[in-house]
Amino acid sequence: MDTSASNRRLRVLLTAIGNKTLIPQPDFQRRLVWTNKDKIEFIKTVLEGYPFPEIYIAAGKVDPKTGDGAEVLVDGQQRITTLYQYFKGSPDIKLGKNLPAYVDLDEDKQIDFLEYKVVVRDMGNMPMDDIKEVFKRINSTSYGLNAMELHNSRYGGEFKNFAEEVSQSKIFEDNRVFTSTDIKRMNDVRYCLGLIITIMSTYFNRDKELENYLEKYNEEFPERDKLYSEISEVFSFIDRLNFNSSSRAFKKADFFTLFVELHRALIKNALAVDAGTLRGLLDDFYARVDRVPSGDSGDDREAQEYYSAALQASNDRSSRITRGESIYALVQKSTS
């Protein structure tokens, strides 16, 4: 695979986007996900003359009759599109007080902006399948990254930050819900994203909804304060149940279910749940579940189904629903 790197002046790239001879978003690229803050900081980088990593371009379609052709931007879409939006005064960027609009820059500053040198790696006339593979590999960042780490590399906005804040709640640390590896690999944030999205919607399959919500609320998350208050209320109630940190209640799948069903009862349905009564019912139920692997559960079908739903494919929607039905039934029995 032969590629060559060279410098192109920014004005050449901006003009090419304007006359559609450079396609910034071919169909295989992801949608733009930068926050307004990301865009502002990047524009400042260019205005101050600092370099940014090379972009990748490949040959696109050519009209053999006219000789007209286009190039596609394989990697660097968000950077170049942000600069084009700034140049054109797009309403998609809210500049604020500390960044002047392009039209308000001194002429010397405008010329510096347009003459800024961008390092471009030209992939030439490469087959589209190869281009897609290059894009995939560039944006995998590291072959060892898990799904949440990849989400984090793309979404640094309000919703992700909220989940990160929730993941640092004292209840998780005090009861050792997450391992050091979970925290290192951002699985604690991933878990809390699942909790938050579930109480905002309903049970879903595995991580299916994570990217949708990360993108939807990347720029703004208006429900932040309301959700934080609700989550704090549920955490406080779980603290009142006074489980030992070794309890099944603090295993990830079990805590997920207990939290969601208590939120359903306390917040959505405004039920008055007696903590002492619920603690007794949960102790009994968890003991029944813990007898399942030893074969001492007899014909206790409910405990067996719950155990299976907590052990195998625990993040599948069907497993979450199965566990939820059992726990919510106990919560309802605890209402006054």
C-alpha atoms as a PDB file:
ATOM      1  CA  MET A   1       0.000   0.000   0.000  1.00  0.00           C
ATOM      2  CA  ASP A   2       1.803   3.121  -1.235  1.00  0.00           C
ATOM      3  CA  THR A   3       0.899   6.429   0.372  1.00  0.00           C
ATOM      4  CA  SER A   4       2.589   9.806   0.306  1.00  0.00           C
ATOM      5  CA  ALA A   5       2.474  12.684   2.773  1.00  0.00           C
ATOM      6  CA  SER A   6       2.599  16.333   1.780  1.00  0.00           C
ATOM      7  CA  ASN A   7       1.458  19.729   3.006  1.00  0.00           C
ATOM      8  CA  ARG A   8      -1.641  21.426   1.644  1.00  0.00           C
ATOM      9  CA  ARG A   9      -2.688  24.919   2.535  1.00  0.00           C
ATOM     10  CA  LEU A  10      -5.941  25.034   4.424  1.00  0.00           C
ATOM     11  CA  ARG A  11      -7.489  27.355   1.834  1.00  0.00           C
ATOM     12  CA  VAL A  12      -7.034  24.646  -0.814  1.00  0.00           C
ATOM     13  CA  LEU A  13      -8.944  22.138   1.323  1.00  0.00           C
ATOM     14  CA  LEU A  14     -11.695  24.625   2.196  1.00  0.00           C
ATOM     15  CA  THR A  15     -12.155  25.585  -1.447  1.00  0.00           C
ATOM     16  CA  ALA A  16     -12.321  21.910  -2.410  1.00  0.00           C
ATOM     17  CA  ILE A  17     -15.067  21.289   0.143  1.00  0.00           C
ATOM     18  CA  GLY A  18     -16.960  24.311  -1.128  1.00  0.00           C
ATOM     19  CA  ASN A  19     -16.893  23.185  -4.752  1.00  0.00           C
ATOM     20  CA  LYS A  20     -17.473  19.536  -3.763  1.00  0.00           C
ATOM     21  CA  THR A  21     -14.167  18.216  -5.091  1.00  0.00           C
ATOM     22  CA  LEU A  22     -13.352  17.065  -1.551  1.00  0.00           C
ATOM     23  CA  ILE A  23     -16.067  14.959   0.084  1.00  0.00           C
ATOM     24  CA  PRO A  24     -15.788  15.312   3.878  1.00  0.00           C
ATOM     25  CA  GLN A  25     -18.242  12.563   4.793  1.00  0.00           C
ATOM     26  CA  PRO A  26     -18.246   9.490   2.578  1.00  0.00           C
ATOM     27  CA  ASP A  27     -20.964   6.999   3.438  1.00  0.00           C
ATOM     28  CA  PHE A  28     -18.746   4.795   5.592  1.00  0.00           C
ATOM     29  CA  GLN A  29     -17.710   7.563   7.989  1.00  0.00           C
ATOM     30  CA  ARG A  30     -19.370   8.135  11.318  1.00  0.00           C
ATOM     31  CA  ARG A  31     -21.415  11.244  11.968  1.00  0.00           C
ATOM     32  CA  LEU A  32     -19.927  14.330  13.591  1.00  0.00           C
ATOM     33  CA  VAL A  33     -19.898  14.020  17.379  1.00  0.00           C
ATOM     34  CA  TRP A  34     -17.652  16.819  18.610  1.00  0.00           C
ATOM     35  CA  THR A  35     -19.140  19.125  21.202  1.00  0.00           C
ATOM     36  CA  ASN A  36     -19.116  22.871  20.677  1.00  0.00           C
ATOM     37  CA  LYS A  37     -16.299  23.085  23.234  1.00  0.00           C
ATOM     38  CA  ASP A  38     -14.235  20.585  21.218  1.00  0.00           C
ATOM     39  CA  LYS A  39     -14.706  22.687  18.099  1.00  0.00           C
ATOM     40  CA  ILE A  40     -13.714  25.929  19.835  1.00  0.00           C
ATOM     41  CA  GLU A  41     -10.522  24.426  21.249  1.00  0.00           C
ATOM     42  CA  PHE A  42      -9.553  22.975  17.882  1.00  0.00           C
ATOM     43  CA  ILE A  43     -10.118  26.278  16.051  1.00  0.00           C
ATOM     44  CA  LYS A  44      -7.910  27.997  18.634  1.00  0.00           C
ATOM     45  CA  THR A  45      -5.207  25.403  17.947  1.00  0.00           C
ATOM     46  CA  VAL A  46      -5.142  26.393  14.287  1.00  0.00           C
ATOM     47  CA  LEU A  47      -5.402  30.145  14.899  1.00  0.00           C
ATOM     48  CA  GLU A  48      -2.440  29.909  17.262  1.00  0.00           C
ATOM     49  CA  GLY A  49      -0.433  28.059  14.616  1.00  0.00           C
ATOM     50  CA  TYR A  50      -0.044  24.743  16.404  1.00  0.00           C
ATOM     51  CA  PRO A  51       0.006  21.549  14.300  1.00  0.00           C
ATOM     52  CA  PHE A  52      -2.561  18.754  14.373  1.00  0.00           C
ATOM     53  CA  PRO A  53      -2.205  15.127  13.199  1.00  0.00           C
ATOM     54  CA  GLU A  54      -2.252  14.310   9.501  1.00  0.00           C
ATOM     55  CA  ILE A  55      -5.478  13.731   7.630  1.00  0.00           C
ATOM     56  CA  TYR A  56      -6.059  10.938   5.103  1.00  0.00           C
ATOM     57  CA  ILE A  57      -7.393  11.547   1.599  1.00  0.00           C
ATOM     58  CA  ALA A  58      -8.081   9.120  -1.250  1.00  0.00           C
ATOM     59  CA  ALA A  59      -9.113   9.489  -4.871  1.00  0.00           C
ATOM     60  CA  GLY A  60     -12.863   9.423  -5.462  1.00  0.00           C
ATOM     61  CA  LYS A  61     -14.929   9.098  -8.609  1.00  0.00           C
ATOM     62  CA  VAL A  62     -13.624  10.519 -11.887  1.00  0.00           C
ATOM     63  CA  ASP A  63     -15.709  11.452 -14.931  1.00  0.00           C
ATOM     64  CA  PRO A  64     -13.689  10.029 -17.873  1.00  0.00           C
ATOM     65  CA  LYS A  65     -15.397  12.372 -20.327  1.00  0.00           C
ATOM     66  CA  THR A  66     -14.768  15.674 -18.572  1.00  0.00           C
ATOM     67  CA  GLY A  67     -11.823  14.703 -16.412  1.00  0.00           C
ATOM     68  CA  ASP A  68     -13.617  16.093 -13.371  1.00  0.00           C
ATOM     69  CA  GLY A  69     -13.047  14.152 -10.192  1.00  0.00           C
ATOM     70  CA  ALA A  70     -13.273  14.339  -6.445  1.00  0.00           C
ATOM     71  CA  GLU A  71     -11.352  13.162  -3.418  1.00  0.00           C
ATOM     72  CA  VAL A  72     -12.757  11.663  -0.240  1.00  0.00           C
ATOM     73  CA  LEU A  73     -11.650  12.535   3.258  1.00  0.00           C
ATOM     74  CA  VAL A  74     -10.904   9.149   4.806  1.00  0.00           C
ATOM     75  CA  ASP A  75      -9.873  10.464   8.215  1.00  0.00           C
ATOM     76  CA  GLY A  76     -10.008  14.013   9.557  1.00  0.00           C
ATOM     77  CA  GLN A  77     -13.654  14.760   8.873  1.00  0.00           C
ATOM     78  CA  GLN A  78     -14.372  16.476  12.184  1.00  0.00           C
ATOM     79  CA  ARG A  79     -11.241  18.629  12.040  1.00  0.00           C
ATOM     80  CA  ILE A  80     -11.658  19.856   8.477  1.00  0.00           C
ATOM     81  CA  THR A  81     -15.439  20.274   8.741  1.00  0.00           C
ATOM     82  CA  THR A  82     -15.013  22.327  11.922  1.00  0.00           C
ATOM     83  CA  LEU A  83     -12.566  24.647  10.154  1.00  0.00           C
ATOM     84  CA  TYR A  84     -14.916  24.947   7.176  1.00  0.00           C
ATOM     85  CA  GLN A  85     -17.814  25.824   9.482  1.00  0.00           C
ATOM     86  CA  TYR A  86     -15.685  28.488  11.164  1.00  0.00           C
ATOM     87  CA  PHE A  87     -14.572  29.915   7.811  1.00  0.00           C
ATOM     88  CA  LYS A  88     -18.169  30.098   6.576  1.00  0.00           C
ATOM     89  CA  GLY A  89     -19.632  31.448   9.807  1.00  0.00           C
ATOM     90  CA  SER A  90     -21.847  28.407  10.281  1.00  0.00           C
ATOM     91  CA  PRO A  91     -24.473  28.573  13.054  1.00  0.00           C
ATOM     92  CA  ASP A  92     -23.379  25.041  14.003  1.00  0.00           C
ATOM     93  CA  ILE A  93     -20.575  26.663  16.015  1.00  0.00           C
ATOM     94  CA  LYS A  94     -21.349  28.963  18.944  1.00  0.00           C
ATOM     95  CA  LEU A  95     -18.174  31.026  19.242  1.00  0.00           C
ATOM     96  CA  GLY A  96     -18.765  32.752  22.573  1.00  0.00           C
ATOM     97  CA  LYS A  97     -16.838  35.778  23.816  1.00  0.00           C
ATOM     98  CA  ASN A  98     -13.266  34.513  23.613  1.00  0.00           C
ATOM     99  CA  LEU A  99     -13.129  33.502  19.960  1.00  0.00           C
ATOM    100  CA  PRO A 100     -13.729  36.101  17.239  1.00  0.00           C
ATOM    101  CA  ALA A 101     -15.603  35.081  14.105  1.00  0.00           C
ATOM    102  CA  TYR A 102     -13.489  34.595  11.004  1.00  0.00           C
ATOM    103  CA  VAL A 103     -14.945  37.731   9.405  1.00  0.00           C
ATOM    104  CA  ASP A 104     -13.872  39.744  12.461  1.00  0.00           C
ATOM    105  CA  LEU A 105     -10.237  38.634  12.346  1.00  0.00           C
ATOM    106  CA  ASP A 106      -7.615  41.101  11.176  1.00  0.00           C
ATOM    107  CA  GLU A 107      -6.669  40.506   7.559  1.00  0.00           C
ATOM    108  CA  ASP A 108      -3.239  39.210   8.575  1.00  0.00           C
ATOM    109  CA  LYS A 109      -4.899  36.654  10.876  1.00  0.00           C
ATOM    110  CA  GLN A 110      -7.281  35.604   8.098  1.00  0.00           C
ATOM    111  CA  ILE A 111      -4.355  35.024   5.746  1.00  0.00           C
ATOM    112  CA  ASP A 112      -2.470  33.061   8.420  1.00  0.00           C
ATOM    113  CA  PHE A 113      -5.565  30.891   8.853  1.00  0.00           C
ATOM    114  CA  LEU A 114      -5.938  30.264   5.119  1.00  0.00           C
ATOM    115  CA  GLU A 115      -2.212  29.619   4.651  1.00  0.00           C
ATOM    116  CA  TYR A 116      -2.055  27.160   7.562  1.00  0.00           C
ATOM    117  CA  LYS A 117      -0.328  23.994   6.376  1.00  0.00           C
ATOM    118  CA  VAL A 118      -2.169  20.721   6.864  1.00  0.00           C
ATOM    119  CA  VAL A 119      -0.282  17.436   6.607  1.00  0.00           C
ATOM    120  CA  VAL A 120      -2.185  15.268   4.122  1.00  0.00           C
ATOM    121  CA  ARG A 121      -1.512  11.603   3.499  1.00  0.00           C
ATOM    122  CA  ASP A 122      -2.676  10.738  -0.002  1.00  0.00           C
ATOM    123  CA  MET A 123      -3.803   7.132  -0.372  1.00  0.00           C
ATOM    124  CA  GLY A 124      -4.261   7.510  -4.113  1.00  0.00           C
ATOM    125  CA  ASN A 125      -6.705   5.492  -6.175  1.00  0.00           C
ATOM    126  CA  MET A 126      -7.278   2.775  -3.596  1.00  0.00           C
ATOM    127  CA  PRO A 127     -10.198   0.307  -3.840  1.00  0.00           C
ATOM    128  CA  MET A 128     -13.130   1.344  -1.644  1.00  0.00           C
ATOM    129  CA  ASP A 129     -12.953  -1.845   0.443  1.00  0.00           C
ATOM    130  CA  ASP A 130      -9.330  -1.042   1.279  1.00  0.00           C
ATOM    131  CA  ILE A 131     -10.241   2.561   2.125  1.00  0.00           C
ATOM    132  CA  LYS A 132     -12.942   1.351   4.519  1.00  0.00           C
ATOM    133  CA  GLU A 133     -10.468  -1.010   6.172  1.00  0.00           C
ATOM    134  CA  VAL A 134      -7.934   1.798   6.625  1.00  0.00           C
ATOM    135  CA  PHE A 135     -10.642   3.998   8.152  1.00  0.00           C
ATOM    136  CA  LYS A 136     -11.683   1.199  10.498  1.00  0.00           C
ATOM    137  CA  ARG A 137      -8.119   0.615  11.656  1.00  0.00           C
ATOM    138  CA  ILE A 138      -7.267   4.278  12.096  1.00  0.00           C
ATOM    139  CA  ASN A 139     -10.338   4.803  14.251  1.00  0.00           C
ATOM    140  CA  SER A 140      -9.953   1.688  16.340  1.00  0.00           C
ATOM    141  CA  THR A 141      -7.171   3.673  18.076  1.00  0.00           C
ATOM    142  CA  SER A 142      -5.840   0.519  19.667  1.00  0.00           C
ATOM    143  CA  TYR A 143      -6.766  -3.042  18.911  1.00  0.00           C
ATOM    144  CA  GLY A 144      -7.045  -3.616  22.661  1.00  0.00           C
ATOM    145  CA  LEU A 145      -9.690  -0.980  23.338  1.00  0.00           C
ATOM    146  CA  ASN A 146     -13.047  -2.197  24.563  1.00  0.00           C
ATOM    147  CA  ALA A 147     -16.355  -0.737  23.423  1.00  0.00           C
ATOM    148  CA  MET A 148     -16.554   1.827  26.233  1.00  0.00           C
ATOM    149  CA  GLU A 149     -13.010   3.057  25.620  1.00  0.00           C
ATOM    150  CA  LEU A 150     -13.875   3.546  21.959  1.00  0.00           C
ATOM    151  CA  HIS A 151     -17.060   5.407  22.951  1.00  0.00           C
ATOM    152  CA  ASN A 152     -14.928   7.592  25.206  1.00  0.00           C
ATOM    153  CA  SER A 153     -12.574   8.423  22.351  1.00  0.00           C
ATOM    154  CA  ARG A 154     -15.582   9.651  20.343  1.00  0.00           C
ATOM    155  CA  TYR A 155     -17.925  11.123  22.927  1.00  0.00           C
ATOM    156  CA  GLY A 156     -16.511  13.426  25.574  1.00  0.00           C
ATOM    157  CA  GLY A 157     -19.681  15.391  26.207  1.00  0.00           C
ATOM    158  CA  GLU A 158     -22.339  15.922  28.830  1.00  0.00           C
ATOM    159  CA  PHE A 159     -23.940  12.477  28.953  1.00  0.00           C
ATOM    160  CA  LYS A 160     -20.658  10.596  29.255  1.00  0.00           C
ATOM    161  CA  ASN A 161     -19.464  13.031  31.918  1.00  0.00           C
ATOM    162  CA  PHE A 162     -22.690  12.512  33.867  1.00  0.00           C
ATOM    163  CA  ALA A 163     -22.257   8.723  33.797  1.00  0.00           C
ATOM    164  CA  GLU A 164     -18.668   9.151  34.939  1.00  0.00           C
ATOM    165  CA  GLU A 165     -19.853  11.263  37.866  1.00  0.00           C
ATOM    166  CA  VAL A 166     -22.429   8.627  38.836  1.00  0.00           C
ATOM    167  CA  SER A 167     -19.781   5.876  38.610  1.00  0.00           C
ATOM    168  CA  GLN A 168     -17.784   7.672  41.316  1.00  0.00           C
ATOM    169  CA  SER A 169     -20.646   7.471  43.809  1.00  0.00           C
ATOM    170  CA  LYS A 170     -19.659   6.281  47.262  1.00  0.00           C
ATOM    171  CA  ILE A 171     -22.013   3.296  47.173  1.00  0.00           C
ATOM    172  CA  PHE A 172     -19.918   1.618  44.474  1.00  0.00           C
ATOM    173  CA  GLU A 173     -16.634   2.130  46.295  1.00  0.00           C
ATOM    174  CA  ASP A 174     -17.921   1.151  49.735  1.00  0.00           C
ATOM    175  CA  ASN A 175     -19.361  -2.113  48.439  1.00  0.00           C
ATOM    176  CA  ARG A 176     -16.629  -2.966  45.920  1.00  0.00           C
ATOM    177  CA  VAL A 177     -19.067  -3.228  43.028  1.00  0.00           C
ATOM    178  CA  PHE A 178     -16.286  -2.526  40.516  1.00  0.00           C
ATOM    179  CA  THR A 179     -12.857  -4.122  40.327  1.00  0.00           C
ATOM    180  CA  SER A 180      -9.714  -2.114  39.650  1.00  0.00           C
ATOM    181  CA  THR A 181      -9.735  -3.568  36.132  1.00  0.00           C
ATOM    182  CA  ASP A 182     -13.330  -2.401  35.628  1.00  0.00           C
ATOM    183  CA  ILE A 183     -12.298   1.118  36.541  1.00  0.00           C
ATOM    184  CA  LYS A 184      -9.135   1.039  34.437  1.00  0.00           C
ATOM    185  CA  ARG A 185     -11.073  -0.120  31.367  1.00  0.00           C
ATOM    186  CA  MET A 186     -13.998   2.272  31.992  1.00  0.00           C
ATOM    187  CA  ASN A 187     -16.428  -0.570  32.549  1.00  0.00           C
ATOM    188  CA  ASP A 188     -17.729   1.313  35.592  1.00  0.00           C
ATOM    189  CA  VAL A 189     -18.787   4.193  33.332  1.00  0.00           C
ATOM    190  CA  ARG A 190     -20.251   1.757  30.836  1.00  0.00           C
ATOM    191  CA  TYR A 191     -22.263   0.088  33.615  1.00  0.00           C
ATOM    192  CA  CYS A 192     -23.608   3.423  34.856  1.00  0.00           C
ATOM    193  CA  LEU A 193     -24.546   4.445  31.334  1.00  0.00           C
ATOM    194  CA  GLY A 194     -26.680   1.306  31.238  1.00  0.00           C
ATOM    195  CA  LEU A 195     -28.325   2.184  34.555  1.00  0.00           C
ATOM    196  CA  ILE A 196     -29.072   5.745  33.504  1.00  0.00           C
ATOM    197  CA  ILE A 197     -30.436   4.866  30.073  1.00  0.00           C
ATOM    198  CA  THR A 198     -32.620   2.116  31.526  1.00  0.00           C
ATOM    199  CA  ILE A 199     -34.339   4.421  34.014  1.00  0.00           C
ATOM    200  CA  MET A 200     -34.785   6.974  31.223  1.00  0.00           C
ATOM    201  CA  SER A 201     -36.375   4.365  28.959  1.00  0.00           C
ATOM    202  CA  THR A 202     -36.728   0.650  29.682  1.00  0.00           C
ATOM    203  CA  TYR A 203     -34.674  -2.529  29.685  1.00  0.00           C
ATOM    204  CA  PHE A 204     -32.692  -2.962  26.460  1.00  0.00           C
ATOM    205  CA  ASN A 205     -30.322  -5.549  25.057  1.00  0.00           C
ATOM    206  CA  ARG A 206     -26.727  -5.350  26.267  1.00  0.00           C
ATOM    207  CA  ASP A 207     -25.140  -2.016  25.195  1.00  0.00           C
ATOM    208  CA  LYS A 208     -27.471  -1.440  22.266  1.00  0.00           C
ATOM    209  CA  GLU A 209     -28.650   2.035  23.312  1.00  0.00           C
ATOM    210  CA  LEU A 210     -25.374   3.440  24.639  1.00  0.00           C
ATOM    211  CA  GLU A 211     -24.152   5.109  21.472  1.00  0.00           C
ATOM    212  CA  ASN A 212     -27.593   6.562  20.675  1.00  0.00           C
ATOM    213  CA  TYR A 213     -27.777   8.323  24.035  1.00  0.00           C
ATOM    214  CA  LEU A 214     -24.111   9.344  24.051  1.00  0.00           C
ATOM    215  CA  GLU A 215     -24.644  11.046  20.719  1.00  0.00           C
ATOM    216  CA  LYS A 216     -28.078  12.495  21.513  1.00  0.00           C
ATOM    217  CA  TYR A 217     -26.907  14.136  24.742  1.00  0.00           C
ATOM    218  CA  ASN A 218     -23.295  14.785  23.814  1.00  0.00           C
ATOM    219  CA  GLU A 219     -23.743  18.551  23.544  1.00  0.00           C
ATOM    220  CA  GLU A 220     -26.369  19.114  26.237  1.00  0.00           C
ATOM    221  CA  PHE A 221     -28.100  16.977  28.864  1.00  0.00           C
ATOM    222  CA  PRO A 222     -31.042  19.010  30.207  1.00  0.00           C
ATOM    223  CA  GLU A 223     -32.228  16.237  32.540  1.00  0.00           C
ATOM    224  CA  ARG A 224     -28.914  16.056  34.390  1.00  0.00           C
ATOM    225  CA  ASP A 225     -30.004  17.651  37.686  1.00  0.00           C
ATOM    226  CA  LYS A 226     -33.345  15.837  37.772  1.00  0.00           C
ATOM    227  CA  LEU A 227     -31.714  12.459  37.100  1.00  0.00           C
ATOM    228  CA  TYR A 228     -28.954  13.066  39.614  1.00  0.00           C
ATOM    229  CA  SER A 229     -31.532  13.802  42.308  1.00  0.00           C
ATOM    230  CA  GLU A 230     -33.478  10.633  41.466  1.00  0.00           C
ATOM    231  CA  ILE A 231     -30.346   8.473  41.407  1.00  0.00           C
ATOM    232  CA  SER A 232     -29.206   9.894  44.747  1.00  0.00           C
ATOM    233  CA  GLU A 233     -32.608   9.095  46.273  1.00  0.00           C
ATOM    234  CA  VAL A 234     -32.417   5.472  45.121  1.00  0.00           C
ATOM    235  CA  PHE A 235     -28.804   5.096  46.308  1.00  0.00           C
ATOM    236  CA  SER A 236     -29.837   6.498  49.683  1.00  0.00           C
ATOM    237  CA  PHE A 237     -32.658   3.960  49.951  1.00  0.00           C
ATOM    238  CA  ILE A 238     -30.288   1.098  49.093  1.00  0.00           C
ATOM    239  CA  ASP A 239     -27.950   2.338  51.841  1.00  0.00           C
ATOM    240  CA  ARG A 240     -30.888   2.145  54.266  1.00  0.00           C
ATOM    241  CA  LEU A 241     -31.329  -1.527  53.402  1.00  0.00           C
ATOM    242  CA  ASN A 242     -27.976  -1.933  55.168  1.00  0.00           C
ATOM    243  CA  PHE A 243     -26.717  -4.957  53.254  1.00  0.00           C
ATOM    244  CA  ASN A 244     -23.280  -6.326  54.004  1.00  0.00           C
ATOM    245  CA  SER A 245     -20.860  -5.479  51.181  1.00  0.00           C
ATOM    246  CA  SER A 246     -20.520  -9.208  50.439  1.00  0.00           C
ATOM    247  CA  SER A 247     -24.265  -9.511  49.766  1.00  0.00           C
ATOM    248  CA  ARG A 248     -25.548 -10.650  46.404  1.00  0.00           C
ATOM    249  CA  ALA A 249     -27.214  -7.230  46.235  1.00  0.00           C
ATOM    250  CA  PHE A 250     -23.837  -5.733  45.282  1.00  0.00           C
ATOM    251  CA  LYS A 251     -23.013  -8.109  42.466  1.00  0.00           C
ATOM    252  CA  LYS A 252     -23.219  -6.159  39.226  1.00  0.00           C
ATOM    253  CA  ALA A 253     -26.253  -7.878  37.683  1.00  0.00           C
ATOM    254  CA  ASP A 254     -28.155  -7.949  40.978  1.00  0.00           C
ATOM    255  CA  PHE A 255     -27.406  -4.327  41.830  1.00  0.00           C
ATOM    256  CA  PHE A 256     -28.463  -3.261  38.338  1.00  0.00           C
ATOM    257  CA  THR A 257     -31.847  -4.908  38.829  1.00  0.00           C
ATOM    258  CA  LEU A 258     -32.353  -3.700  42.393  1.00  0.00           C
ATOM    259  CA  PHE A 259     -31.539  -0.124  41.394  1.00  0.00           C
ATOM    260  CA  VAL A 260     -33.818  -0.070  38.336  1.00  0.00           C
ATOM    261  CA  GLU A 261     -36.777  -1.648  40.144  1.00  0.00           C
ATOM    262  CA  LEU A 262     -36.425   0.632  43.155  1.00  0.00           C
ATOM    263  CA  HIS A 263     -36.336   3.609  40.818  1.00  0.00           C
ATOM    264  CA  ARG A 264     -39.512   2.297  39.191  1.00  0.00           C
ATOM    265  CA  ALA A 265     -41.218   1.989  42.576  1.00  0.00           C
ATOM    266  CA  LEU A 266     -39.934   5.078  44.379  1.00  0.00           C
ATOM    267  CA  ILE A 267     -39.723   7.569  41.521  1.00  0.00           C
ATOM    268  CA  LYS A 268     -41.935   6.494  38.632  1.00  0.00           C
ATOM    269  CA  ASN A 269     -44.748   4.961  40.683  1.00  0.00           C
ATOM    270  CA  ALA A 270     -44.253   7.010  43.886  1.00  0.00           C
ATOM    271  CA  LEU A 271     -44.714   3.961  46.125  1.00  0.00           C
ATOM    272  CA  ALA A 272     -43.981   4.082  49.845  1.00  0.00           C
ATOM    273  CA  VAL A 273     -41.581   1.168  50.307  1.00  0.00           C
ATOM    274  CA  ASP A 274     -40.679  -0.015  53.803  1.00  0.00           C
ATOM    275  CA  ALA A 275     -36.916  -0.622  53.904  1.00  0.00           C
ATOM    276  CA  GLY A 276     -37.063  -3.104  56.790  1.00  0.00           C
ATOM    277  CA  THR A 277     -39.722  -5.254  55.128  1.00  0.00           C
ATOM    278  CA  LEU A 278     -37.909  -5.227  51.799  1.00  0.00           C
ATOM    279  CA  ARG A 279     -34.604  -6.128  53.432  1.00  0.00           C
ATOM    280  CA  GLY A 280     -36.164  -9.223  54.973  1.00  0.00           C
ATOM    281  CA  LEU A 281     -37.797 -10.304  51.714  1.00  0.00           C
ATOM    282  CA  LEU A 282     -34.581  -9.764  49.751  1.00  0.00           C
ATOM    283  CA  ASP A 283     -32.504 -11.678  52.312  1.00  0.00           C
ATOM    284  CA  ASP A 284     -34.841 -14.635  51.957  1.00  0.00           C
ATOM    285  CA  PHE A 285     -34.929 -14.443  48.166  1.00  0.00           C
ATOM    286  CA  TYR A 286     -31.169 -14.041  47.752  1.00  0.00           C
ATOM    287  CA  ALA A 287     -30.620 -17.019  50.076  1.00  0.00           C
ATOM    288  CA  ARG A 288     -32.903 -19.101  47.848  1.00  0.00           C
ATOM    289  CA  VAL A 289     -30.969 -17.975  44.778  1.00  0.00           C
ATOM    290  CA  ASP A 290     -27.626 -18.787  46.413  1.00  0.00           C
ATOM    291  CA  ARG A 291     -28.791 -22.359  47.040  1.00  0.00           C
ATOM    292  CA  VAL A 292     -29.336 -22.988  43.329  1.00  0.00           C
ATOM    293  CA  PRO A 293     -25.730 -23.852  42.296  1.00  0.00           C
ATOM    294  CA  SER A 294     -25.436 -26.478  45.048  1.00  0.00           C
ATOM    295  CA  GLY A 295     -28.626 -28.167  43.874  1.00  0.00           C
ATOM    296  CA  ASP A 296     -30.423 -27.466  47.155  1.00  0.00           C
ATOM    297  CA  SER A 297     -33.132 -25.290  45.634  1.00  0.00           C
ATOM    298  CA  GLY A 298     -35.463 -28.200  44.919  1.00  0.00           C
ATOM    299  CA  ASP A 299     -38.321 -27.100  42.663  1.00  0.00           C
ATOM    300  CA  ASP A 300     -37.866 -23.382  43.419  1.00  0.00           C
ATOM    301  CA  ARG A 301     -38.342 -22.348  39.809  1.00  0.00           C
ATOM    302  CA  GLU A 302     -38.310 -18.596  40.448  1.00  0.00           C
ATOM    303  CA  ALA A 303     -34.939 -18.748  42.219  1.00  0.00           C
ATOM    304  CA  GLN A 304     -33.538 -20.972  39.477  1.00  0.00           C
ATOM    305  CA  GLU A 305     -34.682 -18.631  36.715  1.00  0.00           C
ATOM    306  CA  TYR A 306     -33.308 -15.595  38.532  1.00  0.00           C
ATOM    307  CA  TYR A 307     -29.964 -17.324  39.125  1.00  0.00           C
ATOM    308  CA  SER A 308     -29.708 -18.282  35.470  1.00  0.00           C
ATOM    309  CA  ALA A 309     -30.620 -14.740  34.375  1.00  0.00           C
ATOM    310  CA  ALA A 310     -27.924 -13.308  36.658  1.00  0.00           C
ATOM    311  CA  LEU A 311     -25.244 -15.763  35.580  1.00  0.00           C
ATOM    312  CA  GLN A 312     -25.667 -16.355  31.849  1.00  0.00           C
ATOM    313  CA  ALA A 313     -26.236 -13.560  29.332  1.00  0.00           C
ATOM    314  CA  SER A 314     -27.001 -11.319  32.289  1.00  0.00           C
ATOM    315  CA  ASN A 315     -27.038  -8.190  30.100  1.00  0.00           C
ATOM    316  CA  ASP A 316     -29.540  -9.546  27.597  1.00  0.00           C
ATOM    317  CA  ARG A 317     -32.886  -7.783  27.698  1.00  0.00           C
ATOM    318  CA  SER A 318     -34.745 -11.006  28.491  1.00  0.00           C
ATOM    319  CA  SER A 319     -32.459 -11.709  31.468  1.00  0.00           C
ATOM    320  CA  ARG A 320     -32.868  -8.193  32.785  1.00  0.00           C
ATOM    321  CA  ILE A 321     -36.653  -8.473  32.519  1.00  0.00           C
ATOM    322  CA  THR A 322     -36.678 -11.865  34.286  1.00  0.00           C
ATOM    323  CA  ARG A 323     -34.674 -10.518  37.218  1.00  0.00           C
ATOM    324  CA  GLY A 324     -36.697  -7.308  37.274  1.00  0.00           C
ATOM    325  CA  GLU A 325     -40.023  -9.116  37.584  1.00  0.00           C
ATOM    326  CA  SER A 326     -38.820 -11.066  40.620  1.00  0.00           C
ATOM    327  CA  ILE A 327     -37.378  -8.049  42.425  1.00  0.00           C
ATOM    328  CA  TYR A 328     -40.281  -5.722  41.673  1.00  0.00           C
ATOM    329  CA  ALA A 329     -42.708  -8.282  43.090  1.00  0.00           C
ATOM    330  CA  LEU A 330     -40.781  -8.148  46.377  1.00  0.00           C
ATOM    331  CA  VAL A 331     -40.734  -4.352  46.299  1.00  0.00           C
ATOM    332  CA  GLN A 332     -44.515  -4.287  45.867  1.00  0.00           C
ATOM    333  CA  LYS A 333     -44.926  -6.601  48.874  1.00  0.00           C
ATOM    334  CA  SER A 334     -42.938  -4.075  50.905  1.00  0.00           C
ATOM    335  CA  THR A 335     -45.249  -1.138  50.283  1.00  0.00           C
ATOM    336  CA  SER A 336     -47.258   0.271  53.157  1.00  0.00           C
END
